Amino acid sequence: MPDRATDDDELRPLPSHYRMCFGCGEEHPTGLHMKVFGSKDRVVGSFLVTEHHQGAPGLAHGGVIAAAVDEAMGFLIYLLAAPAVTVHLEVDYRKPVPVGSVLELETHVEKIDGRKVYAVLTGRADGVVHVEASSIYVKVTVEHFRPHYERQGEKLIRPYNP
């Protein structure tokens, strides 16, 4: 994972948005435990594909890859400091991802049009592209999440903006 500036845009660690999140939560027993860094309109993240993430023997499940893609792209929302939800996610699987691989994901905002945020992503293992994706998020108010957070006994958090 990058630990220094690239161009003039320093990547900073982004905190997990929920302790039990499948994508980034440190306390989820079989989650991705994704480590995520961001700066301006760009996010990079990675996770180790374990035996808990496989579909076919020895290979990551496509749905797990899609969840990782959505998680990484969703962290762009922290950078925009505007809550949003996924309304479209398109994933192109270029190569299977073997268990034991570290999948490195890099995503950025392609454009913002009103409430819509368009993003693209590339995922690599050992420097080889394994997945590409595009998404559309729609900005919502933080109140959109309140009933769900309160049901889980969690407090609403505010978006992160480095």
C-alpha atoms as a PDB file:
ATOM      1  CA  MET A   1       0.000   0.000   0.000  1.00  0.00           C
ATOM      2  CA  PRO A   2       1.296   3.440  -0.763  1.00  0.00           C
ATOM      3  CA  ASP A   3       2.821   5.207   2.201  1.00  0.00           C
ATOM      4  CA  ARG A   4       4.076   8.371   0.596  1.00  0.00           C
ATOM      5  CA  ALA A   5       2.953  11.087  -1.761  1.00  0.00           C
ATOM      6  CA  THR A   6       2.348  10.369  -5.417  1.00  0.00           C
ATOM      7  CA  ASP A   7       2.350  13.463  -7.566  1.00  0.00           C
ATOM      8  CA  ASP A   8       1.407  16.116  -5.006  1.00  0.00           C
ATOM      9  CA  ASP A   9      -1.466  14.124  -3.580  1.00  0.00           C
ATOM     10  CA  GLU A  10      -0.622  12.389  -0.321  1.00  0.00           C
ATOM     11  CA  LEU A  11      -2.572   9.271   0.525  1.00  0.00           C
ATOM     12  CA  ARG A  12      -3.876   9.110   4.101  1.00  0.00           C
ATOM     13  CA  PRO A  13      -5.411   6.159   5.948  1.00  0.00           C
ATOM     14  CA  LEU A  14      -9.204   6.250   5.958  1.00  0.00           C
ATOM     15  CA  PRO A  15     -10.976   4.870   9.023  1.00  0.00           C
ATOM     16  CA  SER A  16     -13.445   2.023   8.937  1.00  0.00           C
ATOM     17  CA  HIS A  17     -16.961   3.411   8.836  1.00  0.00           C
ATOM     18  CA  TYR A  18     -18.427   0.600  10.935  1.00  0.00           C
ATOM     19  CA  ARG A  19     -16.673  -2.002  13.107  1.00  0.00           C
ATOM     20  CA  MET A  20     -18.719  -4.936  11.739  1.00  0.00           C
ATOM     21  CA  CYS A  21     -18.671  -3.895   8.076  1.00  0.00           C
ATOM     22  CA  PHE A  22     -17.934  -6.884   5.833  1.00  0.00           C
ATOM     23  CA  GLY A  23     -15.564  -4.752   3.740  1.00  0.00           C
ATOM     24  CA  CYS A  24     -13.592  -2.630   6.191  1.00  0.00           C
ATOM     25  CA  GLY A  25     -14.686  -3.635   9.686  1.00  0.00           C
ATOM     26  CA  GLU A  26     -11.892  -4.926  11.876  1.00  0.00           C
ATOM     27  CA  GLU A  27     -14.323  -6.947  14.008  1.00  0.00           C
ATOM     28  CA  HIS A  28     -16.103  -8.838  11.222  1.00  0.00           C
ATOM     29  CA  PRO A  29     -14.986 -12.465  11.681  1.00  0.00           C
ATOM     30  CA  THR A  30     -14.768 -13.377   7.977  1.00  0.00           C
ATOM     31  CA  GLY A  31     -14.763  -9.919   6.396  1.00  0.00           C
ATOM     32  CA  LEU A  32     -12.267  -8.445   3.979  1.00  0.00           C
ATOM     33  CA  HIS A  33     -10.557  -6.273   6.613  1.00  0.00           C
ATOM     34  CA  MET A  34      -9.725  -3.904   3.770  1.00  0.00           C
ATOM     35  CA  LYS A  35      -7.092  -1.250   4.407  1.00  0.00           C
ATOM     36  CA  VAL A  36      -7.980   1.957   2.595  1.00  0.00           C
ATOM     37  CA  PHE A  37      -6.101   5.182   1.837  1.00  0.00           C
ATOM     38  CA  GLY A  38      -7.383   8.289   0.116  1.00  0.00           C
ATOM     39  CA  SER A  39      -6.543  11.736  -1.130  1.00  0.00           C
ATOM     40  CA  LYS A  40      -8.621  14.282  -3.027  1.00  0.00           C
ATOM     41  CA  ASP A  41     -10.788  12.204  -5.397  1.00  0.00           C
ATOM     42  CA  ARG A  42      -8.755   8.974  -5.324  1.00  0.00           C
ATOM     43  CA  VAL A  43      -8.843   5.901  -3.091  1.00  0.00           C
ATOM     44  CA  VAL A  44      -6.585   2.862  -2.950  1.00  0.00           C
ATOM     45  CA  GLY A  45      -7.302  -0.211  -0.886  1.00  0.00           C
ATOM     46  CA  SER A  46      -6.271  -3.816  -0.585  1.00  0.00           C
ATOM     47  CA  PHE A  47      -7.291  -7.066   1.008  1.00  0.00           C
ATOM     48  CA  LEU A  48      -5.921 -10.566   1.327  1.00  0.00           C
ATOM     49  CA  VAL A  49      -8.141 -13.173  -0.335  1.00  0.00           C
ATOM     50  CA  THR A  50      -8.543 -15.946   2.246  1.00  0.00           C
ATOM     51  CA  GLU A  51     -10.237 -19.341   2.259  1.00  0.00           C
ATOM     52  CA  HIS A  52     -13.334 -17.576   3.647  1.00  0.00           C
ATOM     53  CA  HIS A  53     -13.641 -15.624   0.393  1.00  0.00           C
ATOM     54  CA  GLN A  54     -13.528 -18.471  -2.126  1.00  0.00           C
ATOM     55  CA  GLY A  55     -16.201 -19.670  -4.505  1.00  0.00           C
ATOM     56  CA  ALA A  56     -14.573 -22.282  -6.733  1.00  0.00           C
ATOM     57  CA  PRO A  57     -11.799 -24.145  -4.915  1.00  0.00           C
ATOM     58  CA  GLY A  58      -8.798 -21.872  -4.526  1.00  0.00           C
ATOM     59  CA  LEU A  59     -10.408 -18.849  -6.218  1.00  0.00           C
ATOM     60  CA  ALA A  60     -12.146 -15.757  -4.868  1.00  0.00           C
ATOM     61  CA  HIS A  61     -15.936 -15.752  -5.193  1.00  0.00           C
ATOM     62  CA  GLY A  62     -17.105 -13.196  -7.776  1.00  0.00           C
ATOM     63  CA  GLY A  63     -19.590 -11.741  -5.299  1.00  0.00           C
ATOM     64  CA  VAL A  64     -16.790 -11.158  -2.798  1.00  0.00           C
ATOM     65  CA  ILE A  65     -14.793  -9.345  -5.479  1.00  0.00           C
ATOM     66  CA  ALA A  66     -17.864  -7.223  -6.285  1.00  0.00           C
ATOM     67  CA  ALA A  67     -18.274  -6.420  -2.570  1.00  0.00           C
ATOM     68  CA  ALA A  68     -14.613  -5.360  -2.364  1.00  0.00           C
ATOM     69  CA  VAL A  69     -15.021  -3.172  -5.444  1.00  0.00           C
ATOM     70  CA  ASP A  70     -18.147  -1.533  -3.999  1.00  0.00           C
ATOM     71  CA  GLU A  71     -16.396  -1.007  -0.665  1.00  0.00           C
ATOM     72  CA  ALA A  72     -13.357   0.690  -2.211  1.00  0.00           C
ATOM     73  CA  MET A  73     -15.491   2.878  -4.462  1.00  0.00           C
ATOM     74  CA  GLY A  74     -17.765   3.699  -1.549  1.00  0.00           C
ATOM     75  CA  PHE A  75     -14.816   5.181   0.320  1.00  0.00           C
ATOM     76  CA  LEU A  76     -14.763   7.930  -2.303  1.00  0.00           C
ATOM     77  CA  ILE A  77     -17.809   9.241  -0.455  1.00  0.00           C
ATOM     78  CA  TYR A  78     -15.635   9.939   2.596  1.00  0.00           C
ATOM     79  CA  LEU A  79     -13.520  12.173   0.413  1.00  0.00           C
ATOM     80  CA  LEU A  80     -16.541  14.030  -0.935  1.00  0.00           C
ATOM     81  CA  ALA A  81     -17.928  14.511   2.585  1.00  0.00           C
ATOM     82  CA  ALA A  82     -21.383  13.667   1.246  1.00  0.00           C
ATOM     83  CA  PRO A  83     -23.271  10.477   2.142  1.00  0.00           C
ATOM     84  CA  ALA A  84     -24.280   8.455  -0.908  1.00  0.00           C
ATOM     85  CA  VAL A  85     -25.581   5.045  -1.875  1.00  0.00           C
ATOM     86  CA  THR A  86     -24.733   2.717  -4.736  1.00  0.00           C
ATOM     87  CA  VAL A  87     -27.333   2.776  -7.497  1.00  0.00           C
ATOM     88  CA  HIS A  88     -25.308   1.047 -10.229  1.00  0.00           C
ATOM     89  CA  LEU A  89     -22.252  -1.184 -10.081  1.00  0.00           C
ATOM     90  CA  GLU A  90     -20.706  -2.856 -13.102  1.00  0.00           C
ATOM     91  CA  VAL A  91     -17.825  -5.302 -12.608  1.00  0.00           C
ATOM     92  CA  ASP A  92     -15.717  -6.807 -15.384  1.00  0.00           C
ATOM     93  CA  TYR A  93     -13.800  -9.892 -14.252  1.00  0.00           C
ATOM     94  CA  ARG A  94     -10.618 -10.113 -16.346  1.00  0.00           C
ATOM     95  CA  LYS A  95      -8.839 -12.964 -14.502  1.00  0.00           C
ATOM     96  CA  PRO A  96      -9.708 -15.176 -11.543  1.00  0.00           C
ATOM     97  CA  VAL A  97      -8.214 -14.062  -8.221  1.00  0.00           C
ATOM     98  CA  PRO A  98      -6.501 -16.927  -6.361  1.00  0.00           C
ATOM     99  CA  VAL A  99      -6.817 -17.452  -2.620  1.00  0.00           C
ATOM    100  CA  GLY A 100      -3.670 -16.053  -1.008  1.00  0.00           C
ATOM    101  CA  SER A 101      -3.526 -13.092  -3.394  1.00  0.00           C
ATOM    102  CA  VAL A 102      -3.549  -9.497  -2.258  1.00  0.00           C
ATOM    103  CA  LEU A 103      -6.015  -7.655  -4.459  1.00  0.00           C
ATOM    104  CA  GLU A 104      -5.049  -3.985  -4.791  1.00  0.00           C
ATOM    105  CA  LEU A 105      -7.862  -1.677  -5.810  1.00  0.00           C
ATOM    106  CA  GLU A 106      -7.514   1.867  -7.120  1.00  0.00           C
ATOM    107  CA  THR A 107     -10.523   4.054  -7.793  1.00  0.00           C
ATOM    108  CA  HIS A 108     -11.286   7.661  -8.557  1.00  0.00           C
ATOM    109  CA  VAL A 109     -14.203   9.946  -9.229  1.00  0.00           C
ATOM    110  CA  GLU A 110     -14.716  10.289 -12.951  1.00  0.00           C
ATOM    111  CA  LYS A 111     -17.339  13.037 -12.700  1.00  0.00           C
ATOM    112  CA  ILE A 112     -20.049  14.499 -10.511  1.00  0.00           C
ATOM    113  CA  ASP A 113     -23.376  15.499 -12.041  1.00  0.00           C
ATOM    114  CA  GLY A 114     -25.776  16.943  -9.482  1.00  0.00           C
ATOM    115  CA  ARG A 115     -26.442  14.195  -6.922  1.00  0.00           C
ATOM    116  CA  LYS A 116     -24.780  11.510  -9.069  1.00  0.00           C
ATOM    117  CA  VAL A 117     -21.144  10.509  -8.507  1.00  0.00           C
ATOM    118  CA  TYR A 118     -19.503   8.426 -11.257  1.00  0.00           C
ATOM    119  CA  ALA A 119     -16.429   6.364 -10.391  1.00  0.00           C
ATOM    120  CA  VAL A 120     -14.096   3.864 -12.040  1.00  0.00           C
ATOM    121  CA  LEU A 121     -11.810   1.217 -10.519  1.00  0.00           C
ATOM    122  CA  THR A 122      -8.966  -1.102 -11.465  1.00  0.00           C
ATOM    123  CA  GLY A 123      -8.018  -4.119  -9.343  1.00  0.00           C
ATOM    124  CA  ARG A 124      -4.625  -5.805  -9.596  1.00  0.00           C
ATOM    125  CA  ALA A 125      -2.907  -8.799  -8.066  1.00  0.00           C
ATOM    126  CA  ASP A 126       0.854  -9.016  -8.534  1.00  0.00           C
ATOM    127  CA  GLY A 127       0.627  -6.021 -10.874  1.00  0.00           C
ATOM    128  CA  VAL A 128      -1.777  -7.791 -13.278  1.00  0.00           C
ATOM    129  CA  VAL A 129      -5.296  -6.432 -13.869  1.00  0.00           C
ATOM    130  CA  HIS A 130      -7.893  -8.894 -12.578  1.00  0.00           C
ATOM    131  CA  VAL A 131     -10.963  -6.658 -12.326  1.00  0.00           C
ATOM    132  CA  GLU A 132     -12.274  -3.358 -13.693  1.00  0.00           C
ATOM    133  CA  ALA A 133     -15.429  -1.608 -12.570  1.00  0.00           C
ATOM    134  CA  SER A 134     -17.586   1.466 -12.861  1.00  0.00           C
ATOM    135  CA  SER A 135     -20.274   2.757 -10.535  1.00  0.00           C
ATOM    136  CA  ILE A 136     -22.840   5.436  -9.941  1.00  0.00           C
ATOM    137  CA  TYR A 137     -23.599   6.670  -6.441  1.00  0.00           C
ATOM    138  CA  VAL A 138     -26.397   9.050  -5.522  1.00  0.00           C
ATOM    139  CA  LYS A 139     -25.890  11.554  -2.720  1.00  0.00           C
ATOM    140  CA  VAL A 140     -28.378  11.240   0.146  1.00  0.00           C
ATOM    141  CA  THR A 141     -28.728  12.927   3.503  1.00  0.00           C
ATOM    142  CA  VAL A 142     -27.261  11.263   6.582  1.00  0.00           C
ATOM    143  CA  GLU A 143     -30.856  10.785   7.751  1.00  0.00           C
ATOM    144  CA  HIS A 144     -31.179   8.053   5.101  1.00  0.00           C
ATOM    145  CA  PHE A 145     -29.103   5.802   7.397  1.00  0.00           C
ATOM    146  CA  ARG A 146     -30.514   6.769  10.825  1.00  0.00           C
ATOM    147  CA  PRO A 147     -33.164   4.018  11.246  1.00  0.00           C
ATOM    148  CA  HIS A 148     -30.621   1.320  10.382  1.00  0.00           C
ATOM    149  CA  TYR A 149     -27.867   2.648  12.645  1.00  0.00           C
ATOM    150  CA  GLU A 150     -30.226   3.067  15.570  1.00  0.00           C
ATOM    151  CA  ARG A 151     -31.534  -0.479  15.131  1.00  0.00           C
ATOM    152  CA  GLN A 152     -27.949  -1.731  15.449  1.00  0.00           C
ATOM    153  CA  GLY A 153     -27.199   0.482  18.444  1.00  0.00           C
ATOM    154  CA  GLU A 154     -24.625   2.495  16.512  1.00  0.00           C
ATOM    155  CA  LYS A 155     -24.163   6.249  16.305  1.00  0.00           C
ATOM    156  CA  LEU A 156     -24.339   8.051  12.994  1.00  0.00           C
ATOM    157  CA  ILE A 157     -20.939   9.120  11.752  1.00  0.00           C
ATOM    158  CA  ARG A 158     -20.134  12.045   9.566  1.00  0.00           C
ATOM    159  CA  PRO A 159     -18.314  11.609   6.258  1.00  0.00           C
ATOM    160  CA  TYR A 160     -14.554  11.821   6.395  1.00  0.00           C
ATOM    161  CA  ASN A 161     -12.723  14.433   4.363  1.00  0.00           C
ATOM    162  CA  PRO A 162      -8.910  14.504   4.685  1.00  0.00           C
END
